N, C-alpha and C. Protein backbone atom coordinates (compact mmCIF):
# COMPACT_ATOMS: atom_id res chain seq x y z
N UNK A 1 107.50 70.31 80.21
CA UNK A 1 106.91 70.65 78.92
C UNK A 1 107.88 71.45 78.06
N UNK A 2 108.64 72.34 78.69
CA UNK A 2 109.59 73.15 77.92
C UNK A 2 110.61 72.26 77.24
N UNK A 3 111.14 71.27 77.94
CA UNK A 3 112.13 70.37 77.33
C UNK A 3 111.55 69.65 76.12
N UNK A 4 110.34 69.18 76.22
CA UNK A 4 109.71 68.49 75.09
C UNK A 4 109.50 69.47 73.94
N UNK A 5 109.05 70.68 74.24
CA UNK A 5 108.75 71.67 73.20
C UNK A 5 109.99 72.10 72.42
N UNK A 6 111.15 71.99 73.04
CA UNK A 6 112.38 72.42 72.36
C UNK A 6 113.29 71.24 72.03
N UNK A 7 112.82 70.03 72.27
CA UNK A 7 113.58 68.81 72.01
C UNK A 7 114.89 68.77 72.80
N UNK A 8 114.81 69.11 74.07
CA UNK A 8 115.98 69.08 74.95
C UNK A 8 115.82 67.95 75.96
N UNK A 9 116.93 67.43 76.40
CA UNK A 9 116.92 66.40 77.43
C UNK A 9 116.96 67.07 78.79
N UNK A 10 116.14 66.60 79.71
CA UNK A 10 116.10 67.11 81.07
C UNK A 10 117.00 66.24 81.93
N UNK A 11 117.99 66.86 82.56
CA UNK A 11 118.88 66.16 83.48
C UNK A 11 118.51 66.63 84.88
N UNK A 12 118.12 65.71 85.74
CA UNK A 12 117.76 66.06 87.12
C UNK A 12 118.82 65.47 88.04
N UNK A 13 119.34 66.34 88.91
CA UNK A 13 120.37 65.93 89.86
C UNK A 13 119.75 65.85 91.25
N UNK A 14 119.92 64.71 91.90
CA UNK A 14 119.37 64.50 93.23
C UNK A 14 120.30 64.96 94.32
N UNK A 15 119.89 64.83 95.53
CA UNK A 15 118.57 64.32 95.91
C UNK A 15 117.49 65.34 95.60
N UNK A 16 116.29 64.84 95.30
CA UNK A 16 115.18 65.73 94.97
C UNK A 16 114.07 65.58 96.00
N UNK A 17 113.24 66.60 96.08
CA UNK A 17 112.15 66.60 97.06
C UNK A 17 110.79 66.37 96.40
N UNK A 18 110.80 65.95 95.14
CA UNK A 18 109.56 65.70 94.41
C UNK A 18 109.68 64.37 93.70
N UNK A 19 108.56 63.84 93.23
CA UNK A 19 108.54 62.54 92.58
C UNK A 19 108.71 62.66 91.08
N UNK A 20 109.50 61.76 90.51
CA UNK A 20 109.60 61.69 89.06
C UNK A 20 109.05 60.35 88.56
N UNK A 21 108.14 59.79 89.34
CA UNK A 21 107.45 58.57 88.92
C UNK A 21 106.52 58.93 87.76
N UNK A 22 106.26 57.97 86.89
CA UNK A 22 105.43 58.20 85.71
C UNK A 22 104.10 58.87 86.03
N UNK A 23 103.37 58.38 87.04
CA UNK A 23 102.04 58.93 87.33
C UNK A 23 102.12 60.39 87.76
N UNK A 24 103.17 60.77 88.50
CA UNK A 24 103.32 62.16 88.94
C UNK A 24 103.76 63.05 87.78
N UNK A 25 104.63 62.55 86.93
CA UNK A 25 105.05 63.32 85.77
C UNK A 25 103.89 63.54 84.80
N UNK A 26 103.09 62.53 84.61
CA UNK A 26 101.94 62.66 83.71
C UNK A 26 100.98 63.75 84.18
N UNK A 27 100.82 63.88 85.49
CA UNK A 27 99.90 64.89 86.03
C UNK A 27 100.38 66.29 85.67
N UNK A 28 101.66 66.57 85.81
CA UNK A 28 102.16 67.92 85.54
C UNK A 28 102.56 68.11 84.08
N UNK A 29 102.86 67.02 83.39
CA UNK A 29 103.36 67.13 82.02
C UNK A 29 102.33 66.98 80.94
N UNK A 30 101.09 66.75 81.32
CA UNK A 30 99.99 66.57 80.37
C UNK A 30 100.37 65.51 79.34
N UNK A 31 100.01 65.74 78.09
CA UNK A 31 100.30 64.77 77.05
C UNK A 31 101.73 64.87 76.52
N UNK A 32 102.49 65.82 77.02
CA UNK A 32 103.86 65.98 76.58
C UNK A 32 104.79 64.91 77.15
N UNK A 33 104.46 64.41 78.31
CA UNK A 33 105.40 63.63 79.11
C UNK A 33 105.89 62.37 78.41
N UNK A 34 105.08 61.80 77.54
CA UNK A 34 105.51 60.59 76.84
C UNK A 34 106.72 60.84 75.95
N UNK A 35 106.96 62.08 75.57
CA UNK A 35 108.09 62.42 74.71
C UNK A 35 109.27 63.01 75.47
N UNK A 36 109.20 63.05 76.79
CA UNK A 36 110.27 63.64 77.59
C UNK A 36 111.48 62.72 77.63
N UNK A 37 112.65 63.31 77.32
CA UNK A 37 113.91 62.61 77.49
C UNK A 37 114.46 63.06 78.85
N UNK A 38 114.60 62.13 79.77
CA UNK A 38 114.96 62.45 81.14
C UNK A 38 116.10 61.56 81.60
N UNK A 39 117.07 62.17 82.26
CA UNK A 39 118.14 61.40 82.89
C UNK A 39 118.29 61.89 84.32
N UNK A 40 118.31 60.95 85.25
CA UNK A 40 118.42 61.27 86.67
C UNK A 40 119.79 60.84 87.20
N UNK A 41 120.39 61.72 88.00
CA UNK A 41 121.67 61.45 88.64
C UNK A 41 121.44 61.54 90.15
N UNK A 42 121.76 60.50 90.89
CA UNK A 42 121.52 60.53 92.34
C UNK A 42 122.25 61.67 93.06
N UNK A 43 123.42 62.06 92.55
CA UNK A 43 124.20 63.12 93.21
C UNK A 43 124.83 64.03 92.17
N UNK A 44 125.27 65.19 92.64
CA UNK A 44 125.99 66.12 91.78
C UNK A 44 127.27 65.49 91.26
N UNK A 45 127.93 64.72 92.08
CA UNK A 45 129.17 64.05 91.67
C UNK A 45 128.92 63.09 90.51
N UNK A 46 127.78 62.39 90.54
CA UNK A 46 127.43 61.49 89.43
C UNK A 46 127.28 62.28 88.13
N UNK A 47 126.58 63.40 88.21
CA UNK A 47 126.39 64.24 87.02
C UNK A 47 127.74 64.76 86.51
N UNK A 48 128.55 65.32 87.41
CA UNK A 48 129.83 65.91 87.00
C UNK A 48 130.80 64.86 86.46
N UNK A 49 130.76 63.67 87.00
CA UNK A 49 131.68 62.63 86.49
C UNK A 49 131.37 62.30 85.04
N UNK A 50 130.13 62.45 84.65
CA UNK A 50 129.74 62.15 83.27
C UNK A 50 129.88 63.36 82.33
N UNK A 51 129.75 64.58 82.87
CA UNK A 51 129.67 65.76 82.00
C UNK A 51 130.70 66.84 82.31
N UNK A 52 131.67 66.58 83.13
CA UNK A 52 132.62 67.61 83.60
C UNK A 52 133.32 68.35 82.46
N UNK A 53 133.68 67.69 81.40
CA UNK A 53 134.44 68.33 80.33
C UNK A 53 133.57 68.85 79.19
N UNK A 54 132.30 69.00 79.44
CA UNK A 54 131.37 69.49 78.42
C UNK A 54 131.23 71.01 78.53
N UNK A 55 130.41 71.58 77.67
CA UNK A 55 130.09 73.01 77.73
C UNK A 55 129.07 73.21 78.84
N UNK A 56 129.60 73.38 80.04
CA UNK A 56 128.81 73.39 81.26
C UNK A 56 128.81 74.80 81.84
N UNK A 57 127.60 75.35 82.08
CA UNK A 57 127.48 76.70 82.62
C UNK A 57 126.51 76.68 83.80
N UNK A 58 126.75 77.57 84.74
CA UNK A 58 125.96 77.64 85.96
C UNK A 58 125.23 78.98 86.02
N UNK A 59 123.93 78.93 86.22
CA UNK A 59 123.15 80.16 86.32
C UNK A 59 123.05 80.54 87.80
N UNK A 60 123.55 81.73 88.11
CA UNK A 60 123.59 82.16 89.49
C UNK A 60 123.53 83.68 89.59
N UNK A 61 122.96 84.16 90.65
CA UNK A 61 122.92 85.61 90.89
C UNK A 61 124.30 86.15 91.25
N UNK A 62 125.26 85.28 91.54
CA UNK A 62 126.61 85.71 91.91
C UNK A 62 127.52 85.90 90.70
N UNK A 63 127.02 85.66 89.52
CA UNK A 63 127.82 85.84 88.30
C UNK A 63 127.83 87.31 87.88
N UNK A 64 128.86 87.69 87.16
CA UNK A 64 128.96 89.04 86.61
C UNK A 64 128.55 89.10 85.14
N UNK A 65 128.62 87.98 84.43
CA UNK A 65 128.34 87.96 83.00
C UNK A 65 126.89 87.59 82.71
N UNK A 66 126.15 88.45 82.02
CA UNK A 66 124.77 88.09 81.63
C UNK A 66 124.79 86.93 80.63
N UNK A 67 123.80 86.07 80.73
CA UNK A 67 123.71 84.89 79.87
C UNK A 67 123.73 85.24 78.39
N UNK A 68 123.20 86.39 78.02
CA UNK A 68 123.08 86.75 76.60
C UNK A 68 124.41 87.16 75.98
N UNK A 69 125.45 87.31 76.79
CA UNK A 69 126.77 87.64 76.25
C UNK A 69 127.59 86.40 75.92
N UNK A 70 127.10 85.24 76.28
CA UNK A 70 127.80 83.98 76.00
C UNK A 70 127.42 83.52 74.60
N UNK A 71 128.39 82.97 73.87
CA UNK A 71 128.15 82.47 72.53
C UNK A 71 127.67 81.02 72.60
N UNK A 72 126.41 80.81 72.30
CA UNK A 72 125.81 79.48 72.25
C UNK A 72 125.40 79.13 70.82
N UNK A 73 126.01 79.75 69.84
CA UNK A 73 125.51 79.66 68.47
C UNK A 73 125.85 78.37 67.74
N UNK A 74 126.72 77.55 68.26
CA UNK A 74 127.10 76.32 67.56
C UNK A 74 126.07 75.23 67.83
N UNK A 75 125.25 74.88 66.83
CA UNK A 75 124.19 73.89 67.05
C UNK A 75 124.72 72.45 67.16
N UNK A 76 125.98 72.24 66.87
CA UNK A 76 126.57 70.91 66.97
C UNK A 76 126.96 70.59 68.41
N UNK A 77 127.28 71.62 69.18
CA UNK A 77 127.71 71.43 70.56
C UNK A 77 126.51 71.17 71.47
N UNK A 78 126.75 70.35 72.47
CA UNK A 78 125.77 70.17 73.54
C UNK A 78 126.13 71.15 74.64
N UNK A 79 125.15 71.92 75.09
CA UNK A 79 125.35 72.86 76.19
C UNK A 79 124.59 72.33 77.40
N UNK A 80 125.26 72.33 78.53
CA UNK A 80 124.65 71.91 79.78
C UNK A 80 124.54 73.14 80.66
N UNK A 81 123.31 73.51 80.98
CA UNK A 81 123.05 74.69 81.80
C UNK A 81 122.53 74.19 83.14
N UNK A 82 123.25 74.53 84.20
CA UNK A 82 122.89 74.03 85.54
C UNK A 82 122.17 75.13 86.30
N UNK A 83 121.01 74.77 86.83
CA UNK A 83 120.21 75.66 87.67
C UNK A 83 120.14 75.04 89.06
N UNK A 84 120.15 75.87 90.06
CA UNK A 84 120.07 75.36 91.42
C UNK A 84 118.64 75.28 91.92
N UNK A 85 118.52 74.82 93.14
CA UNK A 85 117.21 74.81 93.80
C UNK A 85 116.74 76.25 93.98
N UNK A 86 115.44 76.45 93.95
CA UNK A 86 114.91 77.79 94.18
C UNK A 86 115.27 78.28 95.58
N UNK A 87 115.36 77.38 96.52
CA UNK A 87 115.62 77.77 97.91
C UNK A 87 117.09 78.07 98.20
N UNK A 88 118.00 77.29 97.63
CA UNK A 88 119.42 77.42 98.00
C UNK A 88 120.35 77.71 96.84
N UNK A 89 119.90 77.52 95.64
CA UNK A 89 120.76 77.74 94.48
C UNK A 89 121.77 76.61 94.30
N UNK A 90 122.81 76.90 93.57
CA UNK A 90 123.88 75.95 93.29
C UNK A 90 124.88 76.04 94.45
N UNK A 91 125.45 74.91 94.88
CA UNK A 91 126.44 74.96 95.97
C UNK A 91 127.56 75.97 95.67
N UNK A 92 127.84 76.80 96.64
CA UNK A 92 128.81 77.89 96.45
C UNK A 92 130.22 77.38 96.17
N UNK A 93 130.60 76.24 96.72
CA UNK A 93 131.92 75.67 96.42
C UNK A 93 132.05 75.37 94.93
N UNK A 94 130.99 74.87 94.33
CA UNK A 94 130.99 74.57 92.89
C UNK A 94 131.10 75.86 92.08
N UNK A 95 130.40 76.90 92.50
CA UNK A 95 130.49 78.18 91.81
C UNK A 95 131.90 78.77 91.91
N UNK A 96 132.47 78.73 93.10
CA UNK A 96 133.83 79.27 93.28
C UNK A 96 134.86 78.51 92.45
N UNK A 97 134.64 77.23 92.24
CA UNK A 97 135.56 76.40 91.46
C UNK A 97 135.43 76.61 89.96
N UNK A 98 134.38 77.32 89.52
CA UNK A 98 134.12 77.51 88.08
C UNK A 98 133.78 78.95 87.74
N UNK A 99 134.63 79.92 88.13
CA UNK A 99 134.26 81.32 87.93
C UNK A 99 134.06 81.73 86.47
N UNK A 100 134.70 81.03 85.54
CA UNK A 100 134.58 81.36 84.12
C UNK A 100 133.35 80.73 83.48
N UNK A 101 132.56 79.99 84.25
CA UNK A 101 131.37 79.32 83.72
C UNK A 101 130.08 79.80 84.39
N UNK A 102 130.18 80.95 85.07
CA UNK A 102 129.02 81.49 85.76
C UNK A 102 128.30 82.52 84.90
N UNK A 103 126.98 82.41 84.83
CA UNK A 103 126.16 83.35 84.07
C UNK A 103 125.00 83.80 84.94
N UNK A 104 124.53 85.01 84.68
CA UNK A 104 123.41 85.54 85.46
C UNK A 104 122.29 86.00 84.54
N UNK A 105 121.10 86.02 85.11
CA UNK A 105 119.94 86.62 84.45
C UNK A 105 119.77 87.99 85.11
N UNK A 106 119.95 89.08 84.37
CA UNK A 106 119.82 90.40 84.97
C UNK A 106 118.42 90.65 85.54
N UNK A 107 118.37 91.31 86.67
CA UNK A 107 117.11 91.70 87.30
C UNK A 107 117.38 92.86 88.25
N UNK A 108 116.36 93.41 88.84
CA UNK A 108 116.55 94.55 89.74
C UNK A 108 117.44 94.14 90.91
N UNK A 109 118.12 95.10 91.47
CA UNK A 109 119.15 94.81 92.46
C UNK A 109 118.63 94.16 93.75
N UNK A 110 117.40 94.40 94.12
CA UNK A 110 116.92 93.81 95.37
C UNK A 110 116.12 92.52 95.17
N UNK A 111 116.12 91.97 93.97
CA UNK A 111 115.47 90.67 93.72
C UNK A 111 116.50 89.56 93.93
N UNK A 112 116.10 88.52 94.64
CA UNK A 112 117.01 87.41 94.90
C UNK A 112 117.01 86.38 93.78
N UNK A 113 115.82 86.10 93.23
CA UNK A 113 115.74 85.03 92.24
C UNK A 113 114.44 85.12 91.46
N UNK A 114 114.37 84.29 90.43
CA UNK A 114 113.17 84.12 89.62
C UNK A 114 112.68 82.67 89.80
N UNK A 115 111.47 82.40 89.39
CA UNK A 115 110.95 81.04 89.37
C UNK A 115 111.84 80.17 88.49
N UNK A 116 112.13 78.95 88.93
CA UNK A 116 113.06 78.08 88.23
C UNK A 116 112.62 77.80 86.79
N UNK A 117 111.35 77.50 86.58
CA UNK A 117 110.91 77.20 85.21
C UNK A 117 111.03 78.41 84.30
N UNK A 118 110.83 79.61 84.85
CA UNK A 118 111.03 80.82 84.04
C UNK A 118 112.49 80.97 83.66
N UNK A 119 113.40 80.71 84.59
CA UNK A 119 114.83 80.81 84.30
C UNK A 119 115.24 79.83 83.20
N UNK A 120 114.74 78.61 83.30
CA UNK A 120 115.06 77.61 82.29
C UNK A 120 114.59 78.08 80.92
N UNK A 121 113.36 78.60 80.85
CA UNK A 121 112.83 79.06 79.56
C UNK A 121 113.63 80.23 79.01
N UNK A 122 114.00 81.17 79.86
CA UNK A 122 114.78 82.33 79.41
C UNK A 122 116.09 81.88 78.77
N UNK A 123 116.82 81.03 79.46
CA UNK A 123 118.13 80.59 78.98
C UNK A 123 117.99 79.69 77.76
N UNK A 124 117.06 78.75 77.82
CA UNK A 124 116.88 77.81 76.71
C UNK A 124 116.54 78.54 75.42
N UNK A 125 115.65 79.50 75.50
CA UNK A 125 115.26 80.21 74.28
C UNK A 125 116.34 81.17 73.80
N UNK A 126 117.20 81.65 74.67
CA UNK A 126 118.35 82.44 74.20
C UNK A 126 119.29 81.55 73.40
N UNK A 127 119.55 80.35 73.89
CA UNK A 127 120.41 79.42 73.16
C UNK A 127 119.78 79.10 71.81
N UNK A 128 118.50 78.81 71.80
CA UNK A 128 117.81 78.50 70.54
C UNK A 128 117.78 79.69 69.59
N UNK A 129 117.60 80.89 70.13
CA UNK A 129 117.61 82.10 69.29
C UNK A 129 118.96 82.25 68.60
N UNK A 130 120.04 82.04 69.37
CA UNK A 130 121.37 82.16 68.78
C UNK A 130 121.61 81.10 67.70
N UNK A 131 120.88 80.00 67.77
CA UNK A 131 121.01 78.93 66.77
C UNK A 131 119.91 79.00 65.71
N UNK A 132 119.26 80.17 65.64
CA UNK A 132 118.19 80.40 64.66
C UNK A 132 117.05 79.38 64.78
N UNK A 133 116.77 78.95 65.99
CA UNK A 133 115.66 78.02 66.28
C UNK A 133 115.71 76.78 65.38
N UNK A 134 116.92 76.27 65.22
CA UNK A 134 117.13 75.10 64.36
C UNK A 134 116.23 73.94 64.80
N UNK A 135 115.58 73.32 63.85
CA UNK A 135 114.68 72.17 64.05
C UNK A 135 113.42 72.51 64.84
N UNK A 136 113.09 73.78 65.00
CA UNK A 136 111.85 74.16 65.67
C UNK A 136 110.92 74.83 64.66
N UNK A 137 109.65 74.60 64.81
CA UNK A 137 108.67 75.21 63.91
C UNK A 137 108.61 76.71 64.18
N UNK A 138 108.64 77.49 63.13
CA UNK A 138 108.51 78.95 63.26
C UNK A 138 107.20 79.43 62.63
N UNK A 139 106.33 78.49 62.30
CA UNK A 139 104.98 78.82 61.85
C UNK A 139 104.03 77.78 62.44
N UNK A 140 102.74 78.03 62.36
CA UNK A 140 101.75 77.13 62.94
C UNK A 140 101.70 75.82 62.17
N UNK A 141 102.07 74.74 62.83
CA UNK A 141 102.11 73.44 62.16
C UNK A 141 100.87 72.59 62.47
N UNK A 142 100.26 72.76 63.60
CA UNK A 142 99.14 71.91 63.99
C UNK A 142 97.86 72.32 63.25
N UNK A 143 97.55 73.59 63.24
CA UNK A 143 96.33 74.06 62.57
C UNK A 143 96.60 74.61 61.18
N UNK A 144 97.86 74.70 60.79
CA UNK A 144 98.21 75.11 59.44
C UNK A 144 98.53 76.59 59.31
N UNK A 145 99.26 76.90 58.25
CA UNK A 145 99.63 78.29 57.97
C UNK A 145 98.38 79.16 57.81
N UNK A 146 98.48 80.39 58.21
CA UNK A 146 97.42 81.39 58.05
C UNK A 146 96.11 80.96 58.72
N UNK A 147 96.19 80.22 59.80
CA UNK A 147 95.00 79.73 60.49
C UNK A 147 94.07 80.86 60.89
N UNK A 148 94.59 81.94 61.43
CA UNK A 148 93.73 83.02 61.90
C UNK A 148 92.93 83.64 60.76
N UNK A 149 93.57 83.84 59.60
CA UNK A 149 92.86 84.40 58.47
C UNK A 149 91.80 83.43 57.95
N UNK A 150 92.14 82.15 57.91
CA UNK A 150 91.20 81.15 57.44
C UNK A 150 90.01 81.02 58.39
N UNK A 151 90.28 81.17 59.69
CA UNK A 151 89.22 81.08 60.69
C UNK A 151 88.22 82.22 60.50
N UNK A 152 88.71 83.42 60.23
CA UNK A 152 87.82 84.56 60.01
C UNK A 152 86.99 84.33 58.76
N UNK A 153 87.62 83.90 57.69
CA UNK A 153 86.90 83.63 56.44
C UNK A 153 85.84 82.56 56.64
N UNK A 154 86.17 81.51 57.36
CA UNK A 154 85.25 80.43 57.63
C UNK A 154 84.04 80.94 58.44
N UNK A 155 84.29 81.77 59.43
CA UNK A 155 83.22 82.32 60.26
C UNK A 155 82.34 83.30 59.48
N UNK A 156 82.92 84.03 58.53
CA UNK A 156 82.16 84.98 57.71
C UNK A 156 81.18 84.25 56.80
N UNK A 157 81.52 83.04 56.39
CA UNK A 157 80.67 82.27 55.48
C UNK A 157 79.45 81.72 56.21
N UNK A 158 79.49 81.64 57.53
CA UNK A 158 78.38 81.07 58.29
C UNK A 158 77.18 81.96 58.32
């Protein structure tokens, strides 16, 4: 749902332990899923062969640089943010090979990790904030501007 809400493409790298069949995605994605842009890569090597020279960053607790210190302000660039499995994270060999592309989400010293979907939302919205939420609604579009005030006025007339 987050990817649809921010118009981002979801890249999933296998092998995975869950189903990405339409019926399973519809169950968790509600009515959003029809608009999901999804690309699946059977292996990490498949993903890297296609995106190795891009703006690629890895979110890991082993990084020293907080994500908010990275400049993501160019809305023309595509940024690829890699998150690992909740259980094992990103392979350590890959992290060691890319020390200048490691970013962390600050948290208390004895916490190991956060929920994956929360991490994705934190990083995605930081990138969007730096880009001034380009192409995203910053006011209520479905029910209209000033909906809360109009709702009160409507209820007072009853």
